[in-house]
Amino acid sequence: MKLSSTALLALAISSVTATAYAESQSQAFTPVTVKEKSAQSEATGFVEGQSISGTTRNWYANEQLKRGGQFAYKKNGVSTDTDRRINWVQGTIIKYNSGFTEGTVGISTEVAAYNAIALDRDRKDLASNNGGAPGTRPGAGNNRTLTEEGGDAVDQWSKLGLANVKARVSNTTLTAGRQNFSSPMVDVIGNRALPSSFEGVSLHSEELENLSFDVGTFDRNSPRMEQSQRKFRTEYANGIVETDHVHTAGITYTPFASLTTSLWATQAEDIWNQYYFGASHVLGDSSVLSLTTGLNYYKTQEEGKALIGNIDNDTYSLTFGLTHQAHSLSFSYQEVNGNEYFDYLHETNGIYLANSLLSDFNGPNEKSFQIAYGLNMAEYGVPGLKFNIYQARGWGIDGTHYTGNGGVVGKGYDGIQSQDGEHHYEYGIGASYAVQSGPLKATAIRATYTAHRASENQADGSINEFRLVTTIPFNIL
């Protein structure tokens, strides 16, 4: 990994600063031992342990493109430009979980029905990116409200979001079917009215204290706002190339109570091999002053038939966060070392980089810096109420050296050759509240306003966006 002099200097300064404050977080080494307690030994039975629960989410987003950017919609059969897009969807999940059967091998099942209702059905409001105007990402479309050909909203629709069977021995669980999964490369993304999910088989093992293992293989994903399943494809390539299978494996190790590390490898067949290392460390006492340090590093290389071309990409982010009672302040530096985007799998949250915001700040050879401030009003007698504000800047985007497509037009990341010295910035402000008690306990309300401005050829364009999301959990059984 290539750490810049700026990042190394920040690391040195932060290390010196941290030693000036008392260590309340234990830094003692914790050995890896076999767990004495077995989760399966506490199984209560298939029916006895069952539950039915759910959530309903009201998701509203209002976007306006700036600096000439345009969305497009069909009006009387003619493509018509508009600078604004509005999506308003109610997403509801009802989930059934059985308990595990008793015995050495426990069996259980998980089934969840997903339903979406389009509350705004105006074709003009549901415009999509037209793929040609400045300030739009080609082919991005509208992945916020399910629409029919022509742009009319599907008024309401449902699907099986989850449907799997689990087998558990001791503290190791095998899951087969449509499921949730969380890793730095294959992770459920839940930033719409409904989340994504994945079809495949996974194994999670916690037989050891402080050390867990995960393995998974998947062949389909269930997109956030679609009824069907799809093969996996990448977020930033041409959107056409798909992979038949995604294989992933990882280890999470906590050598100290204050330090968590993880190491993962993922193969998207005939596209790439991707490797990840992450570490998070906490030092000090937040009632006085605590320091949180986070490192995320990805290495990506082409694999097999290299369907989107040659890739050689090293990307990392480094974050330092200070917390004093109600106040937190963080600084994040991110760098892409490669002539293509740092890319990840579409319909996943497989990007744990610190500066992945409205923009991912992941352009070829891009450097970015973010400063963020958070305020937790629990310290002032209003538990559940939080505010945050941030600004991020990216610079040095250079795709002029990209040759990974082998000269084939439309393959891989073709088109980024025009990105020469591109730059952009983003700022956002948000407020959230979680109900603390009563019948609506754990209901979460979050409002955010984000503005992004870009130079001529930066891919994300210039846009303002306001989101208001309310999530209400409930229990039936």
Protein backbone atom coordinates (compact mmCIF):
# COMPACT_ATOMS: atom_id res chain seq x y z
CA MET A 1 0.00 0.00 0.00
CA LYS A 2 1.30 3.45 -0.90
CA LEU A 3 0.72 5.88 1.97
CA SER A 4 1.28 9.52 1.09
CA SER A 5 3.50 11.78 3.18
CA THR A 6 0.37 13.70 4.22
CA ALA A 7 -1.25 10.57 5.64
CA LEU A 8 1.90 9.49 7.43
CA LEU A 9 2.31 12.93 9.01
CA ALA A 10 -1.31 12.89 10.20
CA LEU A 11 -0.81 9.43 11.69
CA ALA A 12 2.31 10.56 13.57
CA ILE A 13 0.65 13.69 14.94
CA SER A 14 -2.44 11.78 16.06
CA SER A 15 -0.36 9.12 17.80
CA VAL A 16 1.49 11.75 19.79
CA THR A 17 -1.75 13.52 20.67
CA ALA A 18 -3.39 10.32 21.87
CA THR A 19 -0.67 9.56 24.39
CA ALA A 20 -1.44 12.81 26.20
CA TYR A 21 -4.75 11.43 27.50
CA ALA A 22 -5.53 8.70 30.00
CA GLU A 23 -6.31 5.26 28.62
CA SER A 24 -9.71 4.16 29.89
CA GLN A 25 -10.20 1.70 27.03
CA SER A 26 -8.38 -1.52 27.82
CA GLN A 27 -5.28 -2.08 25.71
CA ALA A 28 -4.56 -5.51 27.22
CA PHE A 29 -4.03 -8.41 24.84
CA THR A 30 -6.91 -10.91 24.77
CA PRO A 31 -5.88 -14.46 23.84
CA VAL A 32 -7.81 -16.58 21.36
CA THR A 33 -9.56 -19.39 23.23
CA VAL A 34 -12.32 -21.89 22.48
CA LYS A 35 -15.74 -20.59 23.49
CA GLU A 36 -17.15 -22.37 26.50
CA LYS A 37 -20.79 -21.57 25.70
CA SER A 38 -22.57 -23.01 22.67
CA ALA A 39 -25.37 -21.03 21.04
CA GLN A 40 -26.98 -24.27 19.82
CA SER A 41 -27.14 -25.68 23.36
CA GLU A 42 -29.56 -22.85 24.19
CA ALA A 43 -31.94 -23.59 21.29
CA THR A 44 -35.58 -23.54 22.40
CA GLY A 45 -37.24 -25.26 19.44
CA PHE A 46 -38.53 -24.48 15.95
CA VAL A 47 -41.93 -23.17 17.08
CA GLU A 48 -41.02 -22.09 20.60
CA GLY A 49 -38.36 -19.69 19.33
CA GLN A 50 -40.30 -18.24 16.41
CA SER A 51 -40.99 -14.54 15.87
CA ILE A 52 -42.73 -12.29 13.36
CA SER A 53 -41.49 -8.73 13.09
CA GLY A 54 -41.14 -6.00 10.53
CA THR A 55 -40.42 -2.44 9.55
CA THR A 56 -42.11 0.14 7.39
CA ARG A 57 -40.08 2.94 5.84
CA ASN A 58 -41.28 6.18 4.26
CA TRP A 59 -38.52 7.23 1.85
CA TYR A 60 -38.56 10.64 0.14
CA ALA A 61 -35.84 12.19 -2.01
CA ASN A 62 -35.87 15.45 -3.99
CA GLU A 63 -32.95 16.04 -6.37
CA GLN A 64 -32.09 19.03 -8.56
CA LEU A 65 -29.26 18.97 -11.08
CA LYS A 66 -27.10 22.07 -11.45
CA ARG A 67 -24.70 23.50 -14.06
CA GLY A 68 -26.67 22.23 -17.04
CA GLY A 69 -27.31 18.68 -15.88
CA GLN A 70 -30.62 17.18 -16.96
CA PHE A 71 -32.79 14.19 -16.18
CA ALA A 72 -35.16 12.90 -18.87
CA TYR A 73 -38.70 11.52 -19.05
CA LYS A 74 -41.11 10.57 -21.82
CA LYS A 75 -43.83 13.15 -22.56
CA ASN A 76 -46.23 12.12 -25.32
CA GLY A 77 -43.59 9.66 -26.49
CA VAL A 78 -40.87 12.33 -26.73
CA SER A 79 -37.82 12.46 -24.46
CA THR A 80 -38.10 15.66 -22.41
CA ASP A 81 -35.49 17.22 -20.14
CA THR A 82 -36.02 18.32 -16.55
CA ASP A 83 -33.55 19.37 -13.87
CA ARG A 84 -35.54 17.86 -10.98
CA ARG A 85 -36.37 14.32 -9.86
CA ILE A 86 -38.62 13.31 -6.95
CA ASN A 87 -39.08 9.81 -5.53
CA TRP A 88 -41.44 8.95 -2.68
CA VAL A 89 -41.88 5.29 -1.73
CA GLN A 90 -43.29 3.35 1.22
CA GLY A 91 -41.35 0.13 1.79
CA THR A 92 -42.59 -2.53 4.23
CA ILE A 93 -40.91 -5.72 5.39
CA ILE A 94 -42.64 -8.52 7.31
CA LYS A 95 -40.20 -11.18 8.48
CA TYR A 96 -40.74 -14.61 10.00
CA ASN A 97 -37.93 -16.29 11.94
CA SER A 98 -38.34 -19.75 13.40
CA GLY A 99 -36.30 -20.87 16.35
CA PHE A 100 -33.56 -23.48 16.01
CA THR A 101 -34.58 -27.07 16.65
CA GLU A 102 -32.97 -28.69 19.67
CA GLY A 103 -30.17 -31.22 19.38
CA THR A 104 -26.63 -31.31 18.07
CA VAL A 105 -27.70 -29.85 14.73
CA GLY A 106 -30.29 -27.10 14.88
CA ILE A 107 -32.46 -26.19 11.89
CA SER A 108 -34.33 -22.93 11.41
CA THR A 109 -35.77 -20.83 8.60
CA GLU A 110 -36.11 -17.15 7.75
CA VAL A 111 -38.67 -15.71 5.32
CA ALA A 112 -39.36 -12.04 4.62
CA ALA A 113 -41.94 -10.46 2.33
CA TYR A 114 -40.99 -7.07 0.86
CA ASN A 115 -43.62 -4.63 -0.40
CA ALA A 116 -43.24 -1.21 -2.02
CA ILE A 117 -45.90 1.40 -2.76
CA ALA A 118 -45.08 4.32 -5.05
CA LEU A 119 -46.51 7.41 -3.33
CA ASP A 120 -45.39 9.75 -6.12
CA ARG A 121 -46.42 8.40 -9.53
CA ASP A 122 -45.90 11.47 -11.69
CA ARG A 123 -43.84 10.42 -14.73
CA LYS A 124 -41.99 13.75 -14.76
CA ASP A 125 -40.98 13.35 -11.10
CA LEU A 126 -39.66 9.85 -11.80
CA ALA A 127 -37.26 11.00 -14.51
CA SER A 128 -34.08 9.01 -15.08
CA ASN A 129 -30.54 9.95 -16.00
CA ASN A 130 -30.51 10.40 -19.77
CA GLY A 131 -26.92 9.25 -20.17
CA GLY A 132 -25.81 12.18 -22.28
CA ALA A 133 -26.25 15.53 -20.58
CA PRO A 134 -23.56 17.11 -18.41
CA GLY A 135 -23.86 16.22 -14.77
CA THR A 136 -25.37 12.77 -15.23
CA ARG A 137 -23.75 9.37 -14.94
CA PRO A 138 -24.37 7.40 -18.16
CA GLY A 139 -26.78 4.53 -17.75
CA ALA A 140 -27.52 5.15 -14.08
CA GLY A 141 -31.28 5.19 -14.61
CA ASN A 142 -33.76 5.46 -11.74
CA ASN A 143 -33.14 2.85 -9.06
CA ARG A 144 -35.40 4.55 -6.51
CA THR A 145 -38.91 3.79 -7.79
CA LEU A 146 -39.74 0.74 -9.86
CA THR A 147 -41.02 1.91 -13.25
CA GLU A 148 -42.39 0.21 -16.35
CA GLU A 149 -41.03 0.74 -19.84
CA GLY A 150 -41.94 4.31 -20.74
CA GLY A 151 -41.45 5.62 -17.23
CA ASP A 152 -44.80 4.94 -15.51
CA ALA A 153 -44.50 3.88 -11.87
CA VAL A 154 -45.43 0.37 -10.77
CA ASP A 155 -48.05 1.42 -8.21
CA GLN A 156 -47.28 -1.37 -5.75
CA TRP A 157 -45.34 -4.60 -5.89
CA SER A 158 -44.09 -7.38 -3.62
CA LYS A 159 -41.40 -10.06 -3.56
CA LEU A 160 -39.68 -12.53 -1.28
CA GLY A 161 -36.76 -10.50 -0.01
CA LEU A 162 -35.46 -13.31 2.20
CA ALA A 163 -36.07 -17.06 2.02
CA ASN A 164 -33.47 -19.35 3.52
CA VAL A 165 -32.78 -22.38 5.70
CA LYS A 166 -30.14 -22.40 8.44
CA ALA A 167 -28.28 -25.27 10.06
CA ARG A 168 -26.32 -24.65 13.25
CA VAL A 169 -23.76 -26.73 15.10
CA SER A 170 -22.35 -25.25 18.27
CA ASN A 171 -21.52 -21.63 17.26
CA THR A 172 -21.29 -22.24 13.51
CA THR A 173 -24.23 -21.49 11.20
CA LEU A 174 -24.71 -22.49 7.56
CA THR A 175 -27.30 -20.42 5.62
CA ALA A 176 -28.65 -21.44 2.20
CA GLY A 177 -31.02 -19.36 0.09
CA ARG A 178 -31.86 -15.67 -0.23
CA GLN A 179 -30.22 -13.94 2.69
CA ASN A 180 -28.57 -10.93 4.25
CA PHE A 181 -24.77 -10.93 4.31
CA SER A 182 -22.27 -8.39 5.55
CA SER A 183 -18.66 -8.01 4.47
CA PRO A 184 -16.47 -5.23 3.03
CA MET A 185 -17.17 -6.49 -0.52
CA VAL A 186 -20.61 -8.15 -0.34
CA ASP A 187 -22.82 -6.19 2.02
CA VAL A 188 -26.55 -5.50 2.10
CA ILE A 189 -27.25 -1.91 1.03
CA GLY A 190 -30.20 -0.32 2.76
CA ASN A 191 -30.28 3.30 1.58
CA ARG A 192 -33.63 2.99 -0.24
CA ALA A 193 -37.17 2.12 0.84
CA LEU A 194 -36.15 -1.57 0.73
CA PRO A 195 -32.72 -3.24 1.07
CA SER A 196 -30.93 -5.61 -1.28
CA SER A 197 -30.34 -9.30 -0.51
CA PHE A 198 -28.27 -12.14 -1.98
CA GLU A 199 -28.90 -15.67 -3.27
CA GLY A 200 -26.34 -18.27 -2.26
CA VAL A 201 -24.73 -20.15 0.60
CA SER A 202 -22.76 -18.72 3.51
CA LEU A 203 -21.05 -20.00 6.65
CA HIS A 204 -20.44 -17.97 9.81
CA SER A 205 -18.35 -19.43 12.64
CA GLU A 206 -17.72 -18.06 16.13
CA GLU A 207 -16.17 -21.11 17.78
CA LEU A 208 -13.29 -19.01 19.13
CA GLU A 209 -13.30 -15.99 21.40
CA ASN A 210 -12.19 -12.82 19.54
CA LEU A 211 -11.87 -14.61 16.20
CA SER A 212 -14.65 -15.31 13.68
CA PHE A 213 -14.69 -16.74 10.16
CA ASP A 214 -17.02 -16.17 7.21
CA VAL A 215 -17.29 -17.87 3.83
CA GLY A 216 -19.91 -17.25 1.15
CA THR A 217 -20.70 -17.93 -2.48
CA PHE A 218 -23.50 -16.10 -4.31
CA ASP A 219 -24.85 -16.14 -7.86
CA ARG A 220 -27.68 -13.56 -7.75
CA ASN A 221 -28.68 -10.39 -5.97
CA SER A 222 -32.16 -9.08 -5.31
CA PRO A 223 -31.94 -5.34 -6.10
CA ARG A 224 -33.33 -2.72 -3.74
CA MET A 225 -36.15 -1.51 -5.96
CA GLU A 226 -36.75 -4.38 -8.38
CA GLN A 227 -38.93 -7.49 -8.27
CA SER A 228 -36.54 -9.82 -10.08
CA GLN A 229 -33.10 -11.18 -9.27
CA ARG A 230 -30.00 -10.31 -11.26
CA LYS A 231 -26.48 -11.55 -11.74
CA PHE A 232 -23.83 -9.41 -10.08
CA ARG A 233 -22.24 -6.60 -12.05
CA THR A 234 -19.95 -3.74 -11.08
CA GLU A 235 -21.01 -0.24 -10.08
CA TYR A 236 -18.80 1.81 -12.40
CA ALA A 237 -18.12 -0.30 -15.50
CA ASN A 238 -20.45 -0.33 -18.50
CA GLY A 239 -23.36 -1.96 -16.64
CA ILE A 240 -23.61 -4.81 -19.16
CA VAL A 241 -20.93 -7.28 -18.03
CA GLU A 242 -22.12 -9.75 -15.39
CA THR A 243 -20.42 -12.44 -13.36
CA ASP A 244 -21.82 -15.93 -12.77
CA HIS A 245 -20.54 -16.27 -9.20
CA VAL A 246 -19.09 -14.19 -6.39
CA HIS A 247 -17.00 -16.00 -3.78
CA THR A 248 -15.90 -14.32 -0.55
CA ALA A 249 -14.11 -15.28 2.67
CA GLY A 250 -12.86 -13.36 5.66
CA ILE A 251 -11.53 -13.32 9.21
CA THR A 252 -12.39 -10.82 11.95
CA TYR A 253 -9.94 -10.66 14.84
CA THR A 254 -10.12 -8.58 18.03
CA PRO A 255 -6.72 -8.85 19.74
CA PHE A 256 -7.61 -6.08 22.21
CA ALA A 257 -10.94 -4.77 23.44
CA SER A 258 -9.97 -1.51 21.74
CA LEU A 259 -8.81 -2.96 18.39
CA THR A 260 -10.77 -4.80 15.71
CA THR A 261 -9.17 -6.02 12.49
CA SER A 262 -10.51 -7.87 9.47
CA LEU A 263 -9.02 -9.48 6.37
CA TRP A 264 -11.14 -10.47 3.36
CA ALA A 265 -10.76 -11.80 -0.17
CA THR A 266 -13.48 -11.82 -2.84
CA GLN A 267 -13.56 -13.15 -6.38
CA ALA A 268 -16.06 -11.94 -8.95
CA GLU A 269 -15.54 -14.64 -11.58
CA ASP A 270 -13.91 -13.38 -14.80
CA ILE A 271 -13.94 -9.78 -13.50
CA TRP A 272 -11.64 -9.28 -10.50
CA ASN A 273 -9.99 -10.54 -7.35
CA GLN A 274 -10.37 -8.03 -4.54
CA TYR A 275 -8.61 -8.02 -1.17
CA TYR A 276 -9.41 -5.96 1.91
CA PHE A 277 -7.76 -5.12 5.22
CA GLY A 278 -9.47 -3.00 7.85
CA ALA A 279 -8.62 -1.91 11.37
CA SER A 280 -10.37 0.25 13.96
CA HIS A 281 -8.80 1.35 17.25
CA VAL A 282 -10.21 3.35 20.18
CA LEU A 283 -8.01 5.10 22.72
CA GLY A 284 -9.02 7.19 25.71
CA ASP A 285 -12.29 8.10 27.40
CA SER A 286 -14.96 10.02 25.47
CA SER A 287 -16.05 11.80 28.68
CA VAL A 288 -12.62 13.48 28.57
CA LEU A 289 -11.23 12.83 25.10
CA SER A 290 -11.07 9.70 22.97
CA LEU A 291 -9.35 9.02 19.66
CA THR A 292 -10.73 6.58 17.09
CA THR A 293 -8.44 5.57 14.25
CA GLY A 294 -9.75 3.71 11.20
CA LEU A 295 -7.94 2.23 8.21
CA ASN A 296 -9.58 0.66 5.14
CA TYR A 297 -7.48 -0.74 2.28
CA TYR A 298 -8.56 -2.48 -0.96
CA LYS A 299 -6.44 -4.16 -3.61
CA THR A 300 -8.20 -5.02 -6.90
CA GLN A 301 -6.81 -6.97 -9.88
CA GLU A 302 -8.44 -8.49 -12.97
CA GLU A 303 -9.33 -12.19 -12.88
CA GLY A 304 -9.96 -14.96 -15.42
CA LYS A 305 -11.31 -13.58 -18.70
CA ALA A 306 -11.04 -10.00 -17.39
CA LEU A 307 -14.41 -9.09 -18.92
CA ILE A 308 -14.12 -5.41 -17.98
CA GLY A 309 -10.42 -5.19 -18.81
CA ASN A 310 -7.17 -5.05 -16.89
CA ILE A 311 -7.28 -3.64 -13.36
CA ASP A 312 -4.47 -2.69 -11.00
CA ASN A 313 -5.90 -0.60 -8.18
CA ASP A 314 -4.80 0.15 -4.60
CA THR A 315 -7.20 2.33 -2.63
CA TYR A 316 -7.22 3.28 1.04
CA SER A 317 -8.79 5.65 3.53
CA LEU A 318 -7.44 6.77 6.88
CA THR A 319 -9.64 8.40 9.53
CA PHE A 320 -8.93 10.06 12.87
CA GLY A 321 -11.87 10.93 15.08
CA LEU A 322 -11.87 12.86 18.35
CA THR A 323 -14.82 12.63 20.76
CA HIS A 324 -15.42 14.80 23.82
CA GLN A 325 -18.75 14.18 25.53
CA ALA A 326 -21.43 15.32 23.06
CA HIS A 327 -19.02 16.46 20.37
CA SER A 328 -17.13 14.50 17.73
CA LEU A 329 -14.74 15.74 15.06
CA SER A 330 -13.22 13.52 12.39
CA PHE A 331 -10.69 13.91 9.57
CA SER A 332 -10.54 11.43 6.69
CA TYR A 333 -8.02 11.14 3.87
CA GLN A 334 -8.63 8.83 0.92
CA GLU A 335 -6.48 7.95 -2.09
CA VAL A 336 -6.97 5.88 -5.25
CA ASN A 337 -3.78 4.52 -6.80
CA GLY A 338 -4.91 3.23 -10.18
CA ASN A 339 -5.87 4.45 -13.65
CA GLU A 340 -9.44 3.20 -13.27
CA TYR A 341 -12.15 3.79 -10.67
CA PHE A 342 -12.01 2.00 -7.37
CA ASP A 343 -15.02 -0.17 -8.16
CA TYR A 344 -17.34 -2.45 -6.19
CA LEU A 345 -20.30 -4.74 -6.83
CA HIS A 346 -23.58 -3.06 -7.78
CA GLU A 347 -26.48 -3.46 -5.32
CA THR A 348 -24.02 -3.95 -2.47
CA ASN A 349 -22.50 -1.66 0.11
CA GLY A 350 -19.10 -3.13 -0.72
CA ILE A 351 -17.21 0.11 -0.20
CA TYR A 352 -16.05 0.71 3.37
CA LEU A 353 -13.96 3.74 2.43
CA ALA A 354 -14.37 6.76 4.70
CA ASN A 355 -15.16 9.23 1.93
CA SER A 356 -17.92 7.21 0.31
CA LEU A 357 -20.71 9.79 0.61
CA LEU A 358 -23.22 10.95 -2.01
CA SER A 359 -20.15 10.73 -4.27
CA ASP A 360 -17.76 7.84 -3.66
CA PHE A 361 -14.65 10.02 -4.30
CA ASN A 362 -13.22 7.02 -6.13
CA GLY A 363 -12.07 8.41 -9.49
CA PRO A 364 -8.83 7.24 -11.12
CA ASN A 365 -5.82 8.53 -9.12
CA GLU A 366 -8.16 10.65 -6.98
CA LYS A 367 -7.21 12.07 -3.58
CA SER A 368 -9.85 13.37 -1.20
CA PHE A 369 -10.17 14.83 2.29
CA GLN A 370 -13.22 15.08 4.55
CA ILE A 371 -13.85 16.91 7.80
CA ALA A 372 -17.00 16.07 9.77
CA TYR A 373 -18.60 17.21 13.02
CA GLY A 374 -21.28 15.43 15.03
CA LEU A 375 -23.37 16.50 18.02
CA ASN A 376 -25.15 13.99 20.30
CA MET A 377 -27.91 15.79 22.19
CA ALA A 378 -28.19 13.02 24.79
CA GLU A 379 -25.51 14.92 26.70
CA TYR A 380 -27.92 17.87 26.84
CA GLY A 381 -30.96 15.94 27.98
CA VAL A 382 -32.44 14.93 24.59
CA PRO A 383 -31.45 11.29 24.05
CA GLY A 384 -31.92 10.05 20.50
CA LEU A 385 -31.40 13.42 18.82
CA LYS A 386 -28.22 13.85 16.74
CA PHE A 387 -26.87 16.36 14.24
CA ASN A 388 -23.98 16.12 11.78
CA ILE A 389 -22.28 18.29 9.18
CA TYR A 390 -19.41 17.52 6.80
CA GLN A 391 -17.46 18.74 3.81
CA ALA A 392 -15.34 16.66 1.46
CA ARG A 393 -13.11 17.62 -1.48
CA GLY A 394 -11.59 15.46 -4.19
CA TRP A 395 -8.82 16.43 -6.60
CA GLY A 396 -6.23 15.09 -9.03
CA ILE A 397 -8.65 12.83 -10.92
CA ASP A 398 -6.69 11.55 -13.92
CA GLY A 399 -7.94 8.86 -16.30
CA THR A 400 -5.74 9.84 -19.24
CA HIS A 401 -3.43 6.84 -18.67
CA TYR A 402 -6.24 4.26 -18.69
CA THR A 403 -5.55 1.41 -21.15
CA GLY A 404 -7.31 -1.40 -19.30
CA ASN A 405 -9.99 -1.75 -21.98
CA GLY A 406 -7.43 -2.90 -24.56
CA GLY A 407 -8.58 -0.15 -26.89
CA VAL A 408 -12.11 -1.57 -27.18
CA VAL A 409 -14.69 1.23 -27.15
CA GLY A 410 -17.39 0.74 -24.52
CA LYS A 411 -15.45 -1.91 -22.60
CA GLY A 412 -14.58 -1.57 -18.94
CA TYR A 413 -14.12 2.05 -17.90
CA ASP A 414 -13.82 3.46 -21.41
CA GLY A 415 -14.60 7.18 -21.32
CA ILE A 416 -12.59 8.09 -18.25
CA GLN A 417 -9.70 9.11 -20.51
CA SER A 418 -11.35 12.56 -20.67
CA GLN A 419 -10.91 13.00 -16.91
CA ASP A 420 -7.76 15.12 -16.66
CA GLY A 421 -7.26 17.09 -13.46
CA GLU A 422 -10.94 16.84 -12.52
CA HIS A 423 -12.06 17.94 -9.06
CA HIS A 424 -15.24 18.18 -7.01
CA TYR A 425 -16.56 18.90 -3.56
CA GLU A 426 -19.52 17.93 -1.43
CA TYR A 427 -21.08 19.16 1.77
CA GLY A 428 -23.98 17.86 3.78
CA ILE A 429 -25.96 18.47 6.93
CA GLY A 430 -28.22 16.02 8.70
CA ALA A 431 -30.43 15.52 11.73
CA SER A 432 -31.81 12.29 13.14
CA TYR A 433 -34.04 11.28 16.02
CA ALA A 434 -34.76 7.84 17.48
CA VAL A 435 -37.81 7.49 19.73
CA GLN A 436 -36.66 6.24 23.13
CA SER A 437 -39.83 4.77 24.64
CA GLY A 438 -43.52 4.09 24.15
CA PRO A 439 -45.35 2.27 21.34
CA LEU A 440 -43.12 3.90 18.70
CA LYS A 441 -39.86 3.03 20.45
CA ALA A 442 -36.88 2.74 18.05
CA THR A 443 -38.71 4.66 15.31
CA ALA A 444 -36.01 6.60 13.44
CA ILE A 445 -36.45 9.85 11.55
CA ARG A 446 -33.60 11.27 9.49
CA ALA A 447 -33.40 14.38 7.30
CA THR A 448 -30.36 15.21 5.16
CA TYR A 449 -29.43 17.92 2.70
CA THR A 450 -26.46 17.34 0.41
CA ALA A 451 -24.87 19.48 -2.29
CA HIS A 452 -22.25 18.25 -4.77
CA ARG A 453 -20.38 20.35 -7.32
CA ALA A 454 -18.08 18.95 -9.99
CA SER A 455 -15.76 20.04 -12.74
CA GLU A 456 -16.78 19.38 -16.35
CA ASN A 457 -15.85 15.70 -16.71
CA GLN A 458 -16.16 14.44 -13.13
CA ALA A 459 -18.71 11.61 -13.28
CA ASP A 460 -21.12 12.56 -10.48
CA GLY A 461 -22.03 16.01 -11.79
CA SER A 462 -23.51 18.87 -9.80
CA ILE A 463 -26.61 18.19 -7.75
CA ASN A 464 -28.56 19.19 -4.64
CA GLU A 465 -30.51 16.51 -2.78
CA PHE A 466 -32.88 16.51 0.18
CA ARG A 467 -33.92 13.22 1.81
CA LEU A 468 -36.44 12.53 4.55
CA VAL A 469 -36.61 8.94 5.79
CA THR A 470 -38.81 7.58 8.57
CA THR A 471 -38.42 3.95 9.67
CA ILE A 472 -40.89 2.34 12.07
CA PRO A 473 -40.18 -1.15 13.49
CA PHE A 474 -42.96 -3.39 14.81
CA ASN A 475 -43.49 -6.82 16.32
CA ILE A 476 -46.40 -9.14 15.50
CA LEU A 477 -45.34 -12.27 17.41
